[in-house]
C-alpha cells in the first residue's frame, strides 16, 4: 500500500493529467496548478514513506 501512495504522489507531481484537465473546454490548458501539484505530490509521497516506515518498524 505504501508503494501505491508513493507512486500516486509521483504521478501527481510529474504528470499533468491529474490537475491540468479543463472540464469546461475539454482540452488541456496552461499549467496553472504546478505548485498545487508539487504540494500534493510531496504530501502523498511523505505519507507513503511514513506508512512504509510504520510497516517496517512494527513488522515482527
PDB file of N, CA and C in Angstrom:
ATOM      1  N   UNK A   1       0.822  -1.182   0.000  1.00  0.00           N
ATOM      2  CA  UNK A   1       0.000   0.000   0.000  1.00  0.00           C
ATOM      3  C   UNK A   1       0.869   1.248   0.000  1.00  0.00           C
ATOM      4  N   UNK A   2       1.986   1.195   0.700  1.00  0.00           N
ATOM      5  CA  UNK A   2       2.884   2.349   0.740  1.00  0.00           C
ATOM      6  C   UNK A   2       3.458   2.627  -0.640  1.00  0.00           C
ATOM      7  N   UNK A   3       3.736   1.591  -1.394  1.00  0.00           N
ATOM      8  CA  UNK A   3       4.248   1.761  -2.757  1.00  0.00           C
ATOM      9  C   UNK A   3       3.205   2.461  -3.628  1.00  0.00           C
ATOM     10  N   UNK A   4       1.955   2.147  -3.409  1.00  0.00           N
ATOM     11  CA  UNK A   4       0.879   2.786  -4.152  1.00  0.00           C
ATOM     12  C   UNK A   4       0.808   4.277  -3.840  1.00  0.00           C
ATOM     13  N   UNK A   5       0.957   4.649  -2.575  1.00  0.00           N
ATOM     14  CA  UNK A   5       0.965   6.067  -2.205  1.00  0.00           C
ATOM     15  C   UNK A   5       2.137   6.798  -2.850  1.00  0.00           C
ATOM     16  N   UNK A   6       3.306   6.196  -2.816  1.00  0.00           N
ATOM     17  CA  UNK A   6       4.483   6.834  -3.394  1.00  0.00           C
ATOM     18  C   UNK A   6       4.332   6.973  -4.906  1.00  0.00           C
ATOM     19  N   UNK A   7       3.809   5.943  -5.555  1.00  0.00           N
ATOM     20  CA  UNK A   7       3.592   6.005  -6.999  1.00  0.00           C
ATOM     21  C   UNK A   7       2.546   7.060  -7.363  1.00  0.00           C
ATOM     22  N   UNK A   8       1.480   7.159  -6.594  1.00  0.00           N
ATOM     23  CA  UNK A   8       0.453   8.160  -6.870  1.00  0.00           C
ATOM     24  C   UNK A   8       0.996   9.572  -6.666  1.00  0.00           C
ATOM     25  N   UNK A   9       1.813   9.758  -5.646  1.00  0.00           N
ATOM     26  CA  UNK A   9       2.438  11.057  -5.430  1.00  0.00           C
ATOM     27  C   UNK A   9       3.349  11.449  -6.581  1.00  0.00           C
ATOM     28  N   UNK A  10       4.120  10.497  -7.080  1.00  0.00           N
ATOM     29  CA  UNK A  10       4.967  10.760  -8.243  1.00  0.00           C
ATOM     30  C   UNK A  10       4.152  11.065  -9.482  1.00  0.00           C
ATOM     31  N   UNK A  11       3.048  10.362  -9.647  1.00  0.00           N
ATOM     32  CA  UNK A  11       2.171  10.610 -10.797  1.00  0.00           C
ATOM     33  C   UNK A  11       1.557  12.003 -10.722  1.00  0.00           C
ATOM     34  N   UNK A  12       1.167  12.416  -9.549  1.00  0.00           N
ATOM     35  CA  UNK A  12       0.605  13.762  -9.386  1.00  0.00           C
ATOM     36  C   UNK A  12       1.661  14.818  -9.674  1.00  0.00           C
ATOM     37  N   UNK A  13       2.879  14.605  -9.197  1.00  0.00           N
ATOM     38  CA  UNK A  13       3.916  15.614  -9.366  1.00  0.00           C
ATOM     39  C   UNK A  13       4.408  15.721 -10.802  1.00  0.00           C
ATOM     40  N   UNK A  14       4.615  14.610 -11.463  1.00  0.00           N
ATOM     41  CA  UNK A  14       5.312  14.624 -12.745  1.00  0.00           C
ATOM     42  C   UNK A  14       4.410  14.413 -13.950  1.00  0.00           C
ATOM     43  N   UNK A  15       3.125  14.298 -13.749  1.00  0.00           N
ATOM     44  CA  UNK A  15       2.190  14.135 -14.844  1.00  0.00           C
ATOM     45  C   UNK A  15       1.163  15.253 -14.783  1.00  0.00           C
ATOM     46  N   UNK A  16       0.885  15.863 -15.903  1.00  0.00           N
ATOM     47  CA  UNK A  16      -0.082  16.942 -15.941  1.00  0.00           C
ATOM     48  C   UNK A  16      -1.502  16.467 -16.085  1.00  0.00           C
ATOM     49  N   UNK A  17      -1.738  15.179 -16.042  1.00  0.00           N
ATOM     50  CA  UNK A  17      -3.074  14.653 -16.276  1.00  0.00           C
ATOM     51  C   UNK A  17      -4.020  14.851 -15.100  1.00  0.00           C
ATOM     52  N   UNK A  18      -3.484  14.936 -13.902  1.00  0.00           N
ATOM     53  CA  UNK A  18      -4.341  14.954 -12.721  1.00  0.00           C
ATOM     54  C   UNK A  18      -5.048  16.296 -12.547  1.00  0.00           C
ATOM     55  N   UNK A  19      -4.311  17.397 -12.544  1.00  0.00           N
ATOM     56  CA  UNK A  19      -4.899  18.694 -12.252  1.00  0.00           C
ATOM     57  C   UNK A  19      -4.825  19.660 -13.432  1.00  0.00           C
ATOM     58  N   UNK A  20      -4.498  19.178 -14.611  1.00  0.00           N
ATOM     59  CA  UNK A  20      -4.319  20.069 -15.754  1.00  0.00           C
ATOM     60  C   UNK A  20      -5.512  20.042 -16.699  1.00  0.00           C
ATOM     61  N   UNK A  21      -6.418  19.128 -16.540  1.00  0.00           N
ATOM     62  CA  UNK A  21      -7.522  18.951 -17.473  1.00  0.00           C
ATOM     63  C   UNK A  21      -8.624  19.964 -17.184  1.00  0.00           C
ATOM     64  N   UNK A  22      -9.057  20.657 -18.203  1.00  0.00           N
ATOM     65  CA  UNK A  22     -10.106  21.663 -18.062  1.00  0.00           C
ATOM     66  C   UNK A  22     -11.420  21.029 -18.506  1.00  0.00           C
ATOM     67  N   UNK A  23     -12.331  20.807 -17.581  1.00  0.00           N
ATOM     68  CA  UNK A  23     -13.566  20.093 -17.892  1.00  0.00           C
ATOM     69  C   UNK A  23     -14.522  20.929 -18.735  1.00  0.00           C
ATOM     70  N   UNK A  24     -14.449  22.232 -18.645  1.00  0.00           N
ATOM     71  CA  UNK A  24     -15.374  23.076 -19.394  1.00  0.00           C
ATOM     72  C   UNK A  24     -15.073  23.038 -20.885  1.00  0.00           C
ATOM     73  N   UNK A  25     -13.800  23.151 -21.254  1.00  0.00           N
ATOM     74  CA  UNK A  25     -13.434  23.212 -22.671  1.00  0.00           C
ATOM     75  C   UNK A  25     -12.991  21.864 -23.233  1.00  0.00           C
ATOM     76  N   UNK A  26     -12.835  20.862 -22.365  1.00  0.00           N
ATOM     77  CA  UNK A  26     -12.414  19.521 -22.762  1.00  0.00           C
ATOM     78  C   UNK A  26     -11.078  19.503 -23.488  1.00  0.00           C
ATOM     79  N   UNK A  27     -10.182  20.372 -23.102  1.00  0.00           N
ATOM     80  CA  UNK A  27      -8.823  20.313 -23.627  1.00  0.00           C
ATOM     81  C   UNK A  27      -7.860  20.727 -22.523  1.00  0.00           C
ATOM     82  N   UNK A  28      -6.615  20.415 -22.708  1.00  0.00           N
ATOM     83  CA  UNK A  28      -5.639  20.762 -21.681  1.00  0.00           C
ATOM     84  C   UNK A  28      -5.329  22.251 -21.771  1.00  0.00           C
ATOM     85  N   UNK A  29      -4.959  22.814 -20.642  1.00  0.00           N
ATOM     86  CA  UNK A  29      -4.699  24.244 -20.578  1.00  0.00           C
ATOM     87  C   UNK A  29      -3.301  24.475 -20.035  1.00  0.00           C
ATOM     88  N   UNK A  30      -2.951  25.725 -19.837  1.00  0.00           N
ATOM     89  CA  UNK A  30      -1.664  26.047 -19.243  1.00  0.00           C
ATOM     90  C   UNK A  30      -1.595  25.474 -17.828  1.00  0.00           C
ATOM     91  N   UNK A  31      -0.408  25.162 -17.407  1.00  0.00           N
ATOM     92  CA  UNK A  31      -0.232  24.515 -16.110  1.00  0.00           C
ATOM     93  C   UNK A  31      -0.265  25.551 -14.995  1.00  0.00           C
ATOM     94  N   UNK A  32      -1.466  25.942 -14.583  1.00  0.00           N
ATOM     95  CA  UNK A  32      -1.639  26.915 -13.510  1.00  0.00           C
ATOM     96  C   UNK A  32      -1.521  26.276 -12.135  1.00  0.00           C
ATOM     97  N   UNK A  33      -1.592  24.963 -12.047  1.00  0.00           N
ATOM     98  CA  UNK A  33      -1.620  24.259 -10.768  1.00  0.00           C
ATOM     99  C   UNK A  33      -0.302  23.564 -10.460  1.00  0.00           C
ATOM    100  N   UNK A  34       0.805  24.077 -10.970  1.00  0.00           N
ATOM    101  CA  UNK A  34       2.102  23.428 -10.768  1.00  0.00           C
ATOM    102  C   UNK A  34       2.464  23.365  -9.287  1.00  0.00           C
ATOM    103  N   UNK A  35       2.303  24.450  -8.571  1.00  0.00           N
ATOM    104  CA  UNK A  35       2.649  24.467  -7.151  1.00  0.00           C
ATOM    105  C   UNK A  35       1.710  23.556  -6.361  1.00  0.00           C
ATOM    106  N   UNK A  36       0.431  23.550  -6.717  1.00  0.00           N
ATOM    107  CA  UNK A  36      -0.533  22.675  -6.041  1.00  0.00           C
ATOM    108  C   UNK A  36      -0.176  21.217  -6.283  1.00  0.00           C
ATOM    109  N   UNK A  37       0.215  20.886  -7.519  1.00  0.00           N
ATOM    110  CA  UNK A  37       0.621  19.512  -7.828  1.00  0.00           C
ATOM    111  C   UNK A  37       1.827  19.108  -7.005  1.00  0.00           C
ATOM    112  N   UNK A  38       2.818  19.990  -6.877  1.00  0.00           N
ATOM    113  CA  UNK A  38       4.004  19.649  -6.103  1.00  0.00           C
ATOM    114  C   UNK A  38       3.685  19.496  -4.619  1.00  0.00           C
ATOM    115  N   UNK A  39       2.840  20.360  -4.085  1.00  0.00           N
ATOM    116  CA  UNK A  39       2.480  20.264  -2.668  1.00  0.00           C
ATOM    117  C   UNK A  39       1.731  18.959  -2.398  1.00  0.00           C
ATOM    118  N   UNK A  40       0.755  18.639  -3.238  1.00  0.00           N
ATOM    119  CA  UNK A  40       0.016  17.381  -3.059  1.00  0.00           C
ATOM    120  C   UNK A  40       0.922  16.169  -3.244  1.00  0.00           C
ATOM    121  N   UNK A  41       1.777  16.211  -4.262  1.00  0.00           N
ATOM    122  CA  UNK A  41       2.675  15.094  -4.522  1.00  0.00           C
ATOM    123  C   UNK A  41       3.635  14.839  -3.377  1.00  0.00           C
ATOM    124  N   UNK A  42       4.230  15.905  -2.851  1.00  0.00           N
ATOM    125  CA  UNK A  42       5.164  15.750  -1.731  1.00  0.00           C
ATOM    126  C   UNK A  42       4.427  15.246  -0.489  1.00  0.00           C
ATOM    127  N   UNK A  43       3.224  15.743  -0.267  1.00  0.00           N
ATOM    128  CA  UNK A  43       2.448  15.281   0.882  1.00  0.00           C
ATOM    129  C   UNK A  43       2.095  13.812   0.784  1.00  0.00           C
ATOM    130  N   UNK A  44       1.671  13.372  -0.372  1.00  0.00           N
ATOM    131  CA  UNK A  44       1.297  11.962  -0.542  1.00  0.00           C
ATOM    132  C   UNK A  44       2.526  11.062  -0.495  1.00  0.00           C
ATOM    133  N   UNK A  45       3.633  11.501  -1.085  1.00  0.00           N
ATOM    134  CA  UNK A  45       4.872  10.714  -1.005  1.00  0.00           C
ATOM    135  C   UNK A  45       5.350  10.635   0.440  1.00  0.00           C
ATOM    136  N   UNK A  46       5.266  11.734   1.167  1.00  0.00           N
ATOM    137  CA  UNK A  46       5.644  11.726   2.581  1.00  0.00           C
ATOM    138  C   UNK A  46       4.782  10.776   3.391  1.00  0.00           C
ATOM    139  N   UNK A  47       3.484  10.768   3.111  1.00  0.00           N
ATOM    140  CA  UNK A  47       2.591   9.843   3.804  1.00  0.00           C
ATOM    141  C   UNK A  47       2.938   8.398   3.446  1.00  0.00           C
ATOM    142  N   UNK A  48       3.255   8.142   2.185  1.00  0.00           N
ATOM    143  CA  UNK A  48       3.645   6.794   1.783  1.00  0.00           C
ATOM    144  C   UNK A  48       4.915   6.337   2.465  1.00  0.00           C
ATOM    145  N   UNK A  49       5.889   7.245   2.594  1.00  0.00           N
ATOM    146  CA  UNK A  49       7.121   6.900   3.303  1.00  0.00           C
ATOM    147  C   UNK A  49       6.855   6.660   4.788  1.00  0.00           C
ATOM    148  N   UNK A  50       5.962   7.453   5.366  1.00  0.00           N
ATOM    149  CA  UNK A  50       5.587   7.253   6.768  1.00  0.00           C
ATOM    150  C   UNK A  50       4.926   5.895   6.962  1.00  0.00           C
ATOM    151  N   UNK A  51       4.021   5.528   6.059  1.00  0.00           N
ATOM    152  CA  UNK A  51       3.354   4.226   6.174  1.00  0.00           C
ATOM    153  C   UNK A  51       4.354   3.090   5.986  1.00  0.00           C
ATOM    154  N   UNK A  52       5.301   3.256   5.064  1.00  0.00           N
ATOM    155  CA  UNK A  52       6.322   2.217   4.862  1.00  0.00           C
ATOM    156  C   UNK A  52       7.188   2.074   6.114  1.00  0.00           C
ATOM    157  N   UNK A  53       7.519   3.185   6.746  1.00  0.00           N
ATOM    158  CA  UNK A  53       8.297   3.140   7.988  1.00  0.00           C
ATOM    159  C   UNK A  53       7.525   2.427   9.082  1.00  0.00           C
ATOM    160  N   UNK A  54       6.230   2.722   9.205  1.00  0.00           N
ATOM    161  CA  UNK A  54       5.421   2.084  10.243  1.00  0.00           C
ATOM    162  C   UNK A  54       5.313   0.571  10.020  1.00  0.00           C
ATOM    163  N   UNK A  55       5.153   0.174   8.775  1.00  0.00           N
ATOM    164  CA  UNK A  55       5.082  -1.260   8.472  1.00  0.00           C
ATOM    165  C   UNK A  55       6.404  -1.924   8.808  1.00  0.00           C
ATOM    166  N   UNK A  56       7.513  -1.290   8.438  1.00  0.00           N
ATOM    167  CA  UNK A  56       8.833  -1.858   8.706  1.00  0.00           C
ATOM    168  C   UNK A  56       9.125  -1.893  10.203  1.00  0.00           C
ATOM    169  N   UNK A  57       8.729  -0.834  10.912  1.00  0.00           N
ATOM    170  CA  UNK A  57       9.030  -0.741  12.337  1.00  0.00           C
ATOM    171  C   UNK A  57       8.289  -1.799  13.144  1.00  0.00           C
ATOM    172  N   UNK A  58       7.018  -2.029  12.825  1.00  0.00           N
ATOM    173  CA  UNK A  58       6.201  -2.944  13.611  1.00  0.00           C
ATOM    174  C   UNK A  58       6.109  -4.344  13.012  1.00  0.00           C
ATOM    175  N   UNK A  59       6.919  -4.619  12.016  1.00  0.00           N
ATOM    176  CA  UNK A  59       6.953  -5.959  11.427  1.00  0.00           C
ATOM    177  C   UNK A  59       7.699  -6.886  12.374  1.00  0.00           C
ATOM    178  N   UNK A  60       7.103  -8.021  12.713  1.00  0.00           N
ATOM    179  CA  UNK A  60       7.749  -8.925  13.670  1.00  0.00           C
ATOM    180  C   UNK A  60       8.022 -10.266  13.064  1.00  0.00           C
TER     181      UNK A  60
END
